[in-house]
Protein backbone atom coordinates (compact mmCIF):
# COMPACT_ATOMS: atom_id res chain seq x y z
CA MET A 1 -3.12 28.09 43.82
CA GLU A 2 -2.61 30.99 41.42
CA SER A 3 0.50 31.32 39.30
CA ARG A 4 3.08 33.46 41.12
CA SER A 5 5.09 34.56 38.09
CA LEU A 6 2.76 37.55 37.67
CA ILE A 7 3.37 40.36 40.16
CA LYS A 8 0.09 41.86 41.37
CA ILE A 9 0.04 45.33 42.88
CA ALA A 10 -3.32 46.15 44.53
CA VAL A 11 -4.46 49.70 45.24
CA VAL A 12 -6.99 49.55 48.08
CA GLY A 13 -8.62 51.62 50.79
CA PRO A 14 -11.70 53.56 51.81
CA GLU A 15 -13.92 55.42 49.36
CA SER A 16 -12.74 58.68 47.76
CA THR A 17 -9.03 58.13 48.38
CA GLY A 18 -7.74 58.19 44.80
CA LYS A 19 -7.53 54.44 44.16
CA SER A 20 -8.69 54.58 40.53
CA SER A 21 -6.52 57.56 39.60
CA VAL A 22 -3.40 56.09 41.18
CA SER A 23 -4.05 52.64 39.67
CA GLU A 24 -4.52 53.98 36.15
CA ARG A 25 -1.44 56.19 36.38
CA LEU A 26 0.71 53.37 37.74
CA ALA A 27 -0.41 51.11 34.90
CA ARG A 28 0.49 53.80 32.35
CA TYR A 29 3.83 54.43 34.04
CA TYR A 30 4.70 50.71 34.01
CA LYS A 31 3.17 50.28 30.53
CA THR A 32 0.89 47.49 31.71
CA VAL A 33 -2.82 47.03 32.30
CA CYS A 34 -5.00 48.14 35.16
CA VAL A 35 -7.81 45.89 36.36
CA PRO A 36 -10.70 48.28 37.05
CA GLU A 37 -13.03 48.06 40.02
CA TYR A 38 -15.82 45.71 38.91
CA SER A 39 -18.30 46.90 41.54
CA ARG A 40 -18.52 50.41 40.05
CA GLU A 41 -19.94 49.08 36.80
CA TYR A 42 -22.07 46.49 38.59
CA CYS A 43 -23.67 49.07 40.90
CA ARG A 44 -24.04 51.82 38.29
CA ASN A 45 -27.46 50.58 37.12
CA LEU A 46 -28.55 48.91 40.34
CA ASN A 47 -31.77 50.70 41.32
CA ARG A 48 -32.13 49.09 44.74
CA SER A 49 -30.07 48.53 47.87
CA TYR A 50 -27.52 45.84 47.28
CA THR A 51 -27.73 42.49 48.95
CA LEU A 52 -25.29 39.84 50.09
CA GLN A 53 -25.93 38.12 46.74
CA ASP A 54 -24.79 41.31 45.00
CA GLU A 55 -21.60 41.19 47.05
CA LEU A 56 -21.03 37.61 45.87
CA ASN A 57 -21.72 38.66 42.28
CA ILE A 58 -19.15 41.45 42.66
CA TYR A 59 -16.65 38.95 44.10
CA TYR A 60 -17.03 36.61 41.12
CA GLY A 61 -17.04 39.52 38.68
CA GLN A 62 -13.84 41.04 40.10
CA LEU A 63 -12.05 37.70 39.92
CA ALA A 64 -13.22 37.08 36.33
CA LEU A 65 -12.20 40.59 35.25
CA GLU A 66 -8.77 40.18 36.82
CA ARG A 67 -8.30 36.76 35.22
CA SER A 68 -9.34 38.09 31.80
CA LEU A 69 -6.77 40.91 31.96
CA GLU A 70 -3.83 38.89 33.32
CA PRO A 71 -2.69 37.78 29.81
CA LEU A 72 -2.40 41.45 28.82
CA ALA A 73 -0.01 42.30 31.68
CA VAL A 74 3.35 43.57 30.48
CA ASN A 75 6.62 42.79 32.25
CA ASN A 76 4.71 40.34 34.48
CA LEU A 77 3.14 43.28 36.33
CA LEU A 78 -0.60 43.74 36.91
CA ILE A 79 -2.05 46.80 38.65
CA CYS A 80 -5.41 46.21 40.37
CA ASP A 81 -7.78 49.04 41.23
CA THR A 82 -9.02 47.36 44.40
CA THR A 83 -9.50 43.62 44.94
CA PHE A 84 -12.25 41.34 46.14
CA LEU A 85 -11.05 42.06 49.68
CA THR A 86 -13.47 44.97 49.30
CA VAL A 87 -16.29 42.41 49.29
CA LYS A 88 -15.15 41.21 52.71
CA VAL A 89 -14.96 44.76 54.06
CA TRP A 90 -18.45 45.66 52.82
CA SER A 91 -20.05 42.29 53.63
CA ASP A 92 -18.81 42.43 57.21
CA TYR A 93 -20.00 46.02 57.60
CA LEU A 94 -23.37 45.74 55.87
CA PHE A 95 -24.38 42.14 56.59
CA GLY A 96 -22.32 41.18 59.65
CA SER A 97 -20.34 38.43 57.93
CA THR A 98 -18.51 37.44 54.78
CA PRO A 99 -19.49 34.53 52.52
CA GLU A 100 -17.29 31.49 53.16
CA GLU A 101 -16.03 31.31 49.56
CA VAL A 102 -14.68 34.85 49.81
CA ASN A 103 -12.86 34.14 53.09
CA ASN A 104 -11.45 30.90 51.69
CA ARG A 105 -10.24 32.53 48.48
CA LEU A 106 -8.45 35.30 50.38
CA LYS A 107 -6.05 32.62 51.64
CA THR A 108 -5.22 31.31 48.15
CA HIS A 109 -5.38 34.44 45.97
CA PRO A 110 -2.67 36.77 47.29
CA TYR A 111 -1.48 40.04 45.88
CA ASP A 112 2.21 40.77 46.11
CA PHE A 113 2.05 44.33 47.34
CA TYR A 114 -0.76 46.62 48.45
CA LEU A 115 -0.91 50.39 48.35
CA LEU A 116 -3.34 51.43 51.08
CA MET A 117 -4.69 54.86 50.21
CA ASN A 118 -4.89 57.24 53.15
CA ILE A 119 -7.96 59.37 53.89
CA ASP A 120 -6.08 62.67 53.59
CA LEU A 121 -7.84 63.60 50.33
CA PRO A 122 -10.99 65.71 50.48
CA TRP A 123 -14.22 63.77 49.95
CA GLU A 124 -15.56 63.87 46.39
CA ASP A 125 -19.26 63.26 45.89
CA ASP A 126 -20.14 60.31 43.70
CA PRO A 127 -23.55 58.61 43.55
CA LEU A 128 -21.84 55.22 43.91
CA ARG A 129 -20.22 56.13 47.22
CA ASP A 130 -21.99 55.11 50.38
CA PHE A 131 -20.31 56.58 53.46
CA PRO A 132 -19.16 60.19 53.15
CA ALA A 133 -19.05 60.97 56.87
CA PRO A 134 -15.49 61.77 57.95
CA GLU A 135 -15.71 59.52 61.01
CA GLN A 136 -16.65 56.60 58.76
CA ARG A 137 -13.63 57.18 56.55
CA GLN A 138 -11.36 56.80 59.60
CA TYR A 139 -13.25 53.68 60.62
CA PHE A 140 -12.81 52.14 57.16
CA LEU A 141 -9.11 53.03 57.07
CA GLU A 142 -8.73 51.12 60.35
CA VAL A 143 -10.72 48.20 58.90
CA TRP A 144 -8.51 48.08 55.79
CA THR A 145 -5.37 48.20 57.90
CA LYS A 146 -6.63 45.35 60.08
CA GLU A 147 -7.62 43.24 57.06
CA LEU A 148 -4.20 43.68 55.43
CA GLU A 149 -2.46 42.83 58.68
CA ASN A 150 -4.67 39.73 59.10
CA LEU A 151 -3.53 38.62 55.62
CA LYS A 152 0.08 39.31 56.62
CA ALA A 153 0.16 41.41 53.46
CA SER A 154 3.04 43.53 52.34
CA TYR A 155 1.60 47.04 52.15
CA GLN A 156 2.38 50.71 52.45
CA LEU A 157 0.10 53.61 53.42
CA ILE A 158 0.07 56.21 50.65
CA SER A 159 -0.64 59.86 51.45
CA GLY A 160 -0.28 63.14 49.63
CA LEU A 161 -2.35 65.63 47.74
CA GLY A 162 -2.37 66.06 43.98
CA GLU A 163 0.72 64.87 42.15
CA ASP A 164 2.43 63.96 45.44
CA ARG A 165 0.01 61.07 45.96
CA PHE A 166 0.95 59.45 42.66
CA LEU A 167 4.65 60.12 43.21
CA ASN A 168 4.48 58.52 46.66
CA ALA A 169 2.70 55.49 45.21
CA LYS A 170 5.21 55.21 42.36
CA LYS A 171 8.11 55.45 44.83
CA ALA A 172 6.58 52.75 47.08
CA VAL A 173 6.14 50.36 44.16
CA ALA A 174 9.66 51.04 42.84
CA GLN A 175 11.17 50.37 46.27
CA TRP A 176 9.14 47.20 46.69
CA LEU A 177 10.10 45.91 43.22
CA LYS A 178 13.84 46.25 44.02
């Protein structure tokens, strides 16, 4: 079981919903570190369709990156730009199932609070994004909601355009930390 003295705030949700921007700004606001999304760097130079093995590699890479940044967390607060729960979401969608080690680890590697980013932002093209269709964004928001509920996670849906999105995220974290 992971140490629980460190508070982990995870920013999650469908593609193109502002996760990275909100995560980085929250980390600056709280003067702590932000664990970036490992899969972006992993997939950047991948010149083929990814496989279930790639999903497992991303899972292990995200965990290692998080673990390596935990000692740098200030005030016992770590902000995570996504989590390996993303591996479950994508594995289920692309391959029909999730590797057992990912499912098992979800039960023993909790995050304290999740900010689920809403799909109210306009889509931004990015070569690393896979599903730009609006109907797929709604589908993935429903998937994320279901996954968080299955984990019995403490989470809040974050909406808003521009600065309002960050302010809503900051307010949700502040209220949760009280």
